[in-house]
Amino acid sequence: MWGLVAGVVSYPAFAWYGKRYLDGQGLERGFTRTVLVLLMATILSSALGYGVAWMASTPQSRNSQAQLQKKGTASWLTS
């Protein structure tokens, strides 16, 4: 849950900083720049949210999630 909150709250900050950074680089405004800012902010906020969620989870829950993923992958590979 904390990862989702961190990702949503950080997105506008990453987008604002991205626009400001590209202004400083002299990249002209347009569709390509807008998409670049969108992708950059999405990737950074998603990475931050994943990191916060990983830090907030307990080692036991991470281990059980890994075991479930291994079981799911193994059953997918054998069918």
Protein backbone atom coordinates (compact mmCIF):
# COMPACT_ATOMS: atom_id res chain seq x y z
CA MET A 1 0.00 0.00 0.00
CA TRP A 2 2.82 2.40 0.86
CA GLY A 3 4.40 1.72 -2.51
CA LEU A 4 1.23 2.79 -4.30
CA VAL A 5 1.01 5.97 -2.24
CA ALA A 6 4.68 6.81 -2.86
CA GLY A 7 4.32 6.21 -6.60
CA VAL A 8 1.19 8.35 -6.95
CA VAL A 9 2.54 11.20 -4.82
CA SER A 10 5.94 11.23 -6.55
CA TYR A 11 4.61 11.24 -10.13
CA PRO A 12 3.84 15.00 -10.31
CA ALA A 13 7.21 15.82 -8.77
CA PHE A 14 9.05 13.66 -11.31
CA ALA A 15 7.02 15.14 -14.17
CA TRP A 16 7.70 18.70 -13.00
CA TYR A 17 11.42 18.03 -12.62
CA GLY A 18 11.53 16.33 -16.03
CA LYS A 19 9.91 19.32 -17.73
CA ARG A 20 12.28 21.68 -15.96
CA TYR A 21 15.32 19.58 -16.87
CA LEU A 22 14.33 19.43 -20.53
CA ASP A 23 13.77 23.22 -20.52
CA GLY A 24 17.35 23.59 -19.31
CA GLN A 25 18.59 21.29 -22.06
CA GLY A 26 16.85 23.41 -24.67
CA LEU A 27 14.57 20.67 -26.01
CA GLU A 28 11.68 22.34 -27.82
CA ARG A 29 8.15 21.71 -26.62
CA GLY A 30 6.06 19.27 -28.56
CA PHE A 31 4.58 15.81 -28.63
CA THR A 32 7.90 13.98 -28.40
CA ARG A 33 8.95 15.94 -25.34
CA THR A 34 5.58 15.39 -23.67
CA VAL A 35 5.81 11.64 -24.25
CA LEU A 36 9.40 11.64 -22.97
CA VAL A 37 8.36 13.40 -19.75
CA LEU A 38 5.39 11.04 -19.35
CA LEU A 39 7.56 7.93 -19.75
CA MET A 40 10.33 9.25 -17.52
CA ALA A 41 7.92 10.18 -14.72
CA THR A 42 6.08 6.88 -15.02
CA ILE A 43 9.26 4.78 -14.88
CA LEU A 44 10.74 6.73 -11.96
CA SER A 45 7.54 6.78 -9.89
CA SER A 46 6.96 3.07 -10.55
CA ALA A 47 10.52 2.27 -9.49
CA LEU A 48 10.12 4.34 -6.33
CA GLY A 49 6.80 2.66 -5.54
CA TYR A 50 8.31 -0.79 -6.07
CA GLY A 51 11.24 0.07 -3.82
CA VAL A 52 9.01 1.41 -1.06
CA ALA A 53 6.75 -1.65 -1.28
CA TRP A 54 9.79 -3.93 -1.12
CA MET A 55 11.20 -2.07 1.90
CA ALA A 56 7.84 -2.08 3.70
CA SER A 57 7.24 -5.82 3.25
CA THR A 58 8.56 -8.40 5.67
CA PRO A 59 11.20 -10.94 4.61
CA GLN A 60 8.71 -13.76 5.25
CA SER A 61 6.15 -12.31 2.83
CA ARG A 62 8.85 -11.74 0.19
CA ASN A 63 9.97 -15.35 0.57
CA SER A 64 6.42 -16.70 0.27
CA GLN A 65 5.80 -14.53 -2.80
CA ALA A 66 8.98 -15.88 -4.41
CA GLN A 67 7.88 -19.46 -3.70
CA LEU A 68 4.47 -18.79 -5.29
CA GLN A 69 6.13 -17.29 -8.36
CA LYS A 70 8.43 -20.31 -8.68
CA LYS A 71 5.45 -22.68 -8.46
CA GLY A 72 3.56 -20.67 -11.06
CA THR A 73 6.52 -20.56 -13.42
CA ALA A 74 7.28 -24.26 -12.98
CA SER A 75 3.68 -25.26 -13.74
CA TRP A 76 3.66 -22.99 -16.79
CA LEU A 77 6.90 -24.49 -18.13
CA THR A 78 5.82 -28.09 -17.68
CA SER A 79 2.46 -27.74 -19.45
